[in-house]
């Protein structure tokens, strides 16, 4: 079976356009999130950056 270009295209051009818009929206949301995360981490002092403390040094095995 040979794949032709017309087989790979969407039958409805609106579907193709909507999937492009959804992809761009996801990209926009992720890029804004990562930019804000970078700004917050830049402005936050180093000792407050960890989300959960590392308690491995407090554990004692008897």
PDB file of N, CA and C in Angstrom:
ATOM      1  N   UNK A   1       0.842  -1.181   0.000  1.00  0.00           N
ATOM      2  CA  UNK A   1       0.000   0.000   0.000  1.00  0.00           C
ATOM      3  C   UNK A   1       0.887   1.244   0.000  1.00  0.00           C
ATOM      4  N   UNK A   2       0.630   2.115  -0.908  1.00  0.00           N
ATOM      5  CA  UNK A   2       1.413   3.339  -1.042  1.00  0.00           C
ATOM      6  C   UNK A   2       0.633   4.491  -0.432  1.00  0.00           C
ATOM      7  N   UNK A   3       1.306   5.241   0.443  1.00  0.00           N
ATOM      8  CA  UNK A   3       0.662   6.416   1.029  1.00  0.00           C
ATOM      9  C   UNK A   3       0.845   7.600   0.105  1.00  0.00           C
ATOM     10  N   UNK A   4      -0.225   8.242  -0.182  1.00  0.00           N
ATOM     11  CA  UNK A   4      -0.171   9.443  -1.006  1.00  0.00           C
ATOM     12  C   UNK A   4      -0.412  10.652  -0.128  1.00  0.00           C
ATOM     13  N   UNK A   5      -0.062  11.808  -0.630  1.00  0.00           N
ATOM     14  CA  UNK A   5      -0.200  13.034   0.143  1.00  0.00           C
ATOM     15  C   UNK A   5      -1.660  13.296   0.509  1.00  0.00           C
ATOM     16  N   UNK A   6      -2.555  12.976  -0.385  1.00  0.00           N
ATOM     17  CA  UNK A   6      -3.966  13.243  -0.101  1.00  0.00           C
ATOM     18  C   UNK A   6      -4.487  12.329   1.003  1.00  0.00           C
ATOM     19  N   UNK A   7      -3.861  11.158   1.198  1.00  0.00           N
ATOM     20  CA  UNK A   7      -4.272  10.264   2.277  1.00  0.00           C
ATOM     21  C   UNK A   7      -3.835  10.796   3.636  1.00  0.00           C
ATOM     22  N   UNK A   8      -2.753  11.541   3.651  1.00  0.00           N
ATOM     23  CA  UNK A   8      -2.231  12.037   4.919  1.00  0.00           C
ATOM     24  C   UNK A   8      -2.883  13.344   5.348  1.00  0.00           C
ATOM     25  N   UNK A   9      -3.525  14.035   4.440  1.00  0.00           N
ATOM     26  CA  UNK A   9      -4.166  15.299   4.778  1.00  0.00           C
ATOM     27  C   UNK A   9      -5.522  15.053   5.426  1.00  0.00           C
ATOM     28  N   UNK A  10      -5.950  16.011   6.192  1.00  0.00           N
ATOM     29  CA  UNK A  10      -7.272  15.919   6.787  1.00  0.00           C
ATOM     30  C   UNK A  10      -8.331  16.082   5.698  1.00  0.00           C
ATOM     31  N   UNK A  11      -9.427  15.390   5.870  1.00  0.00           N
ATOM     32  CA  UNK A  11     -10.510  15.537   4.911  1.00  0.00           C
ATOM     33  C   UNK A  11     -11.168  16.903   5.055  1.00  0.00           C
ATOM     34  N   UNK A  12     -11.265  17.371   6.277  1.00  0.00           N
ATOM     35  CA  UNK A  12     -11.894  18.655   6.532  1.00  0.00           C
ATOM     36  C   UNK A  12     -10.806  19.670   6.891  1.00  0.00           C
ATOM     37  N   UNK A  13     -10.650  20.743   6.135  1.00  0.00           N
ATOM     38  CA  UNK A  13      -9.621  21.742   6.454  1.00  0.00           C
ATOM     39  C   UNK A  13      -9.826  22.402   7.813  1.00  0.00           C
ATOM     40  N   UNK A  14     -11.066  22.458   8.279  1.00  0.00           N
ATOM     41  CA  UNK A  14     -11.343  23.044   9.587  1.00  0.00           C
ATOM     42  C   UNK A  14     -10.698  22.223  10.702  1.00  0.00           C
ATOM     43  N   UNK A  15     -10.682  20.896  10.558  1.00  0.00           N
ATOM     44  CA  UNK A  15     -10.022  20.044  11.550  1.00  0.00           C
ATOM     45  C   UNK A  15      -8.534  20.362  11.640  1.00  0.00           C
ATOM     46  N   UNK A  16      -7.921  20.548  10.497  1.00  0.00           N
ATOM     47  CA  UNK A  16      -6.496  20.877  10.467  1.00  0.00           C
ATOM     48  C   UNK A  16      -6.240  22.226  11.132  1.00  0.00           C
ATOM     49  N   UNK A  17      -7.063  23.199  10.830  1.00  0.00           N
ATOM     50  CA  UNK A  17      -6.913  24.535  11.409  1.00  0.00           C
ATOM     51  C   UNK A  17      -7.143  24.512  12.918  1.00  0.00           C
ATOM     52  N   UNK A  18      -8.155  23.774  13.379  1.00  0.00           N
ATOM     53  CA  UNK A  18      -8.432  23.702  14.819  1.00  0.00           C
ATOM     54  C   UNK A  18      -7.317  22.981  15.570  1.00  0.00           C
ATOM     55  N   UNK A  19      -6.747  21.945  14.980  1.00  0.00           N
ATOM     56  CA  UNK A  19      -5.640  21.261  15.647  1.00  0.00           C
ATOM     57  C   UNK A  19      -4.413  22.165  15.719  1.00  0.00           C
ATOM     58  N   UNK A  20      -4.210  22.990  14.700  1.00  0.00           N
ATOM     59  CA  UNK A  20      -3.118  23.959  14.737  1.00  0.00           C
ATOM     60  C   UNK A  20      -3.348  24.987  15.841  1.00  0.00           C
ATOM     61  N   UNK A  21      -4.570  25.478  15.969  1.00  0.00           N
ATOM     62  CA  UNK A  21      -4.879  26.441  17.030  1.00  0.00           C
ATOM     63  C   UNK A  21      -4.695  25.836  18.419  1.00  0.00           C
ATOM     64  N   UNK A  22      -5.104  24.589  18.579  1.00  0.00           N
ATOM     65  CA  UNK A  22      -4.938  23.924  19.876  1.00  0.00           C
ATOM     66  C   UNK A  22      -3.459  23.752  20.193  1.00  0.00           C
ATOM     67  N   UNK A  23      -2.663  23.354  19.197  1.00  0.00           N
ATOM     68  CA  UNK A  23      -1.221  23.214  19.411  1.00  0.00           C
ATOM     69  C   UNK A  23      -0.577  24.547  19.782  1.00  0.00           C
ATOM     70  N   UNK A  24      -0.978  25.611  19.110  1.00  0.00           N
ATOM     71  CA  UNK A  24      -0.425  26.929  19.433  1.00  0.00           C
ATOM     72  C   UNK A  24      -0.849  27.393  20.822  1.00  0.00           C
ATOM     73  N   UNK A  25      -2.078  27.092  21.211  1.00  0.00           N
ATOM     74  CA  UNK A  25      -2.553  27.460  22.545  1.00  0.00           C
ATOM     75  C   UNK A  25      -1.774  26.716  23.626  1.00  0.00           C
ATOM     76  N   UNK A  26      -1.543  25.431  23.419  1.00  0.00           N
ATOM     77  CA  UNK A  26      -0.764  24.648  24.380  1.00  0.00           C
ATOM     78  C   UNK A  26       0.660  25.185  24.464  1.00  0.00           C
ATOM     79  N   UNK A  27       1.258  25.496  23.324  1.00  0.00           N
ATOM     80  CA  UNK A  27       2.606  26.057  23.317  1.00  0.00           C
ATOM     81  C   UNK A  27       2.655  27.384  24.060  1.00  0.00           C
ATOM     82  N   UNK A  28       1.657  28.235  23.846  1.00  0.00           N
ATOM     83  CA  UNK A  28       1.612  29.538  24.508  1.00  0.00           C
ATOM     84  C   UNK A  28       1.488  29.383  26.023  1.00  0.00           C
ATOM     85  N   UNK A  29       0.610  28.503  26.471  1.00  0.00           N
ATOM     86  CA  UNK A  29       0.417  28.296  27.911  1.00  0.00           C
ATOM     87  C   UNK A  29       1.692  27.752  28.541  1.00  0.00           C
ATOM     88  N   UNK A  30       2.322  26.778  27.898  1.00  0.00           N
ATOM     89  CA  UNK A  30       3.546  26.208  28.456  1.00  0.00           C
ATOM     90  C   UNK A  30       4.683  27.219  28.477  1.00  0.00           C
ATOM     91  N   UNK A  31       4.811  28.024  27.443  1.00  0.00           N
ATOM     92  CA  UNK A  31       5.904  28.995  27.415  1.00  0.00           C
ATOM     93  C   UNK A  31       5.702  30.082  28.461  1.00  0.00           C
ATOM     94  N   UNK A  32       4.465  30.520  28.671  1.00  0.00           N
ATOM     95  CA  UNK A  32       4.199  31.508  29.722  1.00  0.00           C
ATOM     96  C   UNK A  32       4.479  30.900  31.087  1.00  0.00           C
ATOM     97  N   UNK A  33       4.075  29.649  31.298  1.00  0.00           N
ATOM     98  CA  UNK A  33       4.320  28.982  32.579  1.00  0.00           C
ATOM     99  C   UNK A  33       5.825  28.879  32.859  1.00  0.00           C
ATOM    100  N   UNK A  34       6.600  28.441  31.881  1.00  0.00           N
ATOM    101  CA  UNK A  34       8.040  28.298  32.097  1.00  0.00           C
ATOM    102  C   UNK A  34       8.727  29.647  32.273  1.00  0.00           C
ATOM    103  N   UNK A  35       8.248  30.665  31.595  1.00  0.00           N
ATOM    104  CA  UNK A  35       8.822  31.999  31.784  1.00  0.00           C
ATOM    105  C   UNK A  35       8.533  32.509  33.191  1.00  0.00           C
ATOM    106  N   UNK A  36       7.305  32.327  33.664  1.00  0.00           N
ATOM    107  CA  UNK A  36       6.969  32.753  35.032  1.00  0.00           C
ATOM    108  C   UNK A  36       7.732  31.937  36.069  1.00  0.00           C
ATOM    109  N   UNK A  37       7.901  30.638  35.814  1.00  0.00           N
ATOM    110  CA  UNK A  37       8.667  29.802  36.733  1.00  0.00           C
ATOM    111  C   UNK A  37      10.116  30.278  36.813  1.00  0.00           C
ATOM    112  N   UNK A  38      10.689  30.652  35.689  1.00  0.00           N
ATOM    113  CA  UNK A  38      12.058  31.159  35.672  1.00  0.00           C
ATOM    114  C   UNK A  38      12.171  32.459  36.456  1.00  0.00           C
ATOM    115  N   UNK A  39      11.207  33.334  36.287  1.00  0.00           N
ATOM    116  CA  UNK A  39      11.232  34.605  37.021  1.00  0.00           C
ATOM    117  C   UNK A  39      11.102  34.365  38.518  1.00  0.00           C
ATOM    118  N   UNK A  40      10.189  33.491  38.917  1.00  0.00           N
ATOM    119  CA  UNK A  40       9.995  33.209  40.345  1.00  0.00           C
ATOM    120  C   UNK A  40      11.245  32.580  40.937  1.00  0.00           C
ATOM    121  N   UNK A  41      11.846  31.620  40.235  1.00  0.00           N
ATOM    122  CA  UNK A  41      13.050  30.982  40.768  1.00  0.00           C
ATOM    123  C   UNK A  41      14.228  31.946  40.805  1.00  0.00           C
ATOM    124  N   UNK A  42      14.264  32.894  39.909  1.00  0.00           N
ATOM    125  CA  UNK A  42      15.335  33.886  39.922  1.00  0.00           C
ATOM    126  C   UNK A  42      15.194  34.827  41.112  1.00  0.00           C
ATOM    127  N   UNK A  43      13.981  35.179  41.443  1.00  0.00           N
ATOM    128  CA  UNK A  43      13.750  36.124  42.535  1.00  0.00           C
ATOM    129  C   UNK A  43      13.700  35.465  43.909  1.00  0.00           C
ATOM    130  N   UNK A  44      13.571  34.144  43.955  1.00  0.00           N
ATOM    131  CA  UNK A  44      13.484  33.433  45.227  1.00  0.00           C
ATOM    132  C   UNK A  44      14.880  33.096  45.729  1.00  0.00           C
ATOM    133  N   UNK A  45      15.159  33.357  47.004  1.00  0.00           N
ATOM    134  CA  UNK A  45      16.457  32.957  47.557  1.00  0.00           C
ATOM    135  C   UNK A  45      16.652  31.443  47.488  1.00  0.00           C
ATOM    136  N   UNK A  46      17.901  31.029  47.446  1.00  0.00           N
ATOM    137  CA  UNK A  46      18.219  29.622  47.208  1.00  0.00           C
ATOM    138  C   UNK A  46      17.649  28.703  48.287  1.00  0.00           C
ATOM    139  N   UNK A  47      17.658  29.118  49.549  1.00  0.00           N
ATOM    140  CA  UNK A  47      17.206  28.221  50.616  1.00  0.00           C
ATOM    141  C   UNK A  47      15.700  27.973  50.568  1.00  0.00           C
ATOM    142  N   UNK A  48      14.940  28.797  49.863  1.00  0.00           N
ATOM    143  CA  UNK A  48      13.495  28.603  49.773  1.00  0.00           C
ATOM    144  C   UNK A  48      13.067  27.927  48.476  1.00  0.00           C
ATOM    145  N   UNK A  49      13.999  27.533  47.623  1.00  0.00           N
ATOM    146  CA  UNK A  49      13.642  26.965  46.323  1.00  0.00           C
ATOM    147  C   UNK A  49      13.152  25.534  46.403  1.00  0.00           C
ATOM    148  N   UNK A  50      13.584  24.779  47.403  1.00  0.00           N
ATOM    149  CA  UNK A  50      13.194  23.377  47.487  1.00  0.00           C
ATOM    150  C   UNK A  50      11.723  23.279  47.878  1.00  0.00           C
ATOM    151  N   UNK A  51      10.982  22.473  47.146  1.00  0.00           N
ATOM    152  CA  UNK A  51       9.562  22.332  47.435  1.00  0.00           C
ATOM    153  C   UNK A  51       9.323  21.456  48.652  1.00  0.00           C
ATOM    154  N   UNK A  52      10.114  20.406  48.816  1.00  0.00           N
ATOM    155  CA  UNK A  52       9.996  19.570  50.000  1.00  0.00           C
ATOM    156  C   UNK A  52      11.398  19.366  50.571  1.00  0.00           C
ATOM    157  N   UNK A  53      11.512  19.375  51.882  1.00  0.00           N
ATOM    158  CA  UNK A  53      12.841  19.268  52.490  1.00  0.00           C
ATOM    159  C   UNK A  53      13.431  17.873  52.325  1.00  0.00           C
ATOM    160  N   UNK A  54      14.727  17.829  52.288  1.00  0.00           N
ATOM    161  CA  UNK A  54      15.436  16.567  52.208  1.00  0.00           C
ATOM    162  C   UNK A  54      15.680  16.085  53.630  1.00  0.00           C
ATOM    163  N   UNK A  55      14.949  15.061  54.051  1.00  0.00           N
ATOM    164  CA  UNK A  55      15.025  14.582  55.428  1.00  0.00           C
ATOM    165  C   UNK A  55      15.936  13.372  55.568  1.00  0.00           C
ATOM    166  N   UNK A  56      16.699  13.048  54.555  1.00  0.00           N
ATOM    167  CA  UNK A  56      17.521  11.845  54.609  1.00  0.00           C
ATOM    168  C   UNK A  56      18.611  11.954  55.675  1.00  0.00           C
ATOM    169  N   UNK A  57      19.088  13.172  55.957  1.00  0.00           N
ATOM    170  CA  UNK A  57      20.131  13.311  56.963  1.00  0.00           C
ATOM    171  C   UNK A  57      19.567  13.186  58.376  1.00  0.00           C
ATOM    172  N   UNK A  58      18.257  13.301  58.558  1.00  0.00           N
ATOM    173  CA  UNK A  58      17.654  13.199  59.881  1.00  0.00           C
ATOM    174  C   UNK A  58      17.256  11.770  60.223  1.00  0.00           C
ATOM    175  N   UNK A  59      17.239  10.889  59.241  1.00  0.00           N
ATOM    176  CA  UNK A  59      16.832   9.519  59.503  1.00  0.00           C
ATOM    177  C   UNK A  59      17.978   8.760  60.151  1.00  0.00           C
ATOM    178  N   UNK A  60      17.669   8.080  61.235  1.00  0.00           N
ATOM    179  CA  UNK A  60      18.667   7.259  61.916  1.00  0.00           C
ATOM    180  C   UNK A  60      18.153   5.837  61.952  1.00  0.00           C
ATOM    181  N   UNK A  61      19.015   4.912  61.585  1.00  0.00           N
ATOM    182  CA  UNK A  61      18.637   3.507  61.598  1.00  0.00           C
ATOM    183  C   UNK A  61      19.245   2.860  62.831  1.00  0.00           C
ATOM    184  N   UNK A  62      18.416   2.169  63.585  1.00  0.00           N
ATOM    185  CA  UNK A  62      18.886   1.508  64.818  1.00  0.00           C
ATOM    186  C   UNK A  62      19.082   0.044  64.587  1.00  0.00           C
TER     187      UNK A  62
END
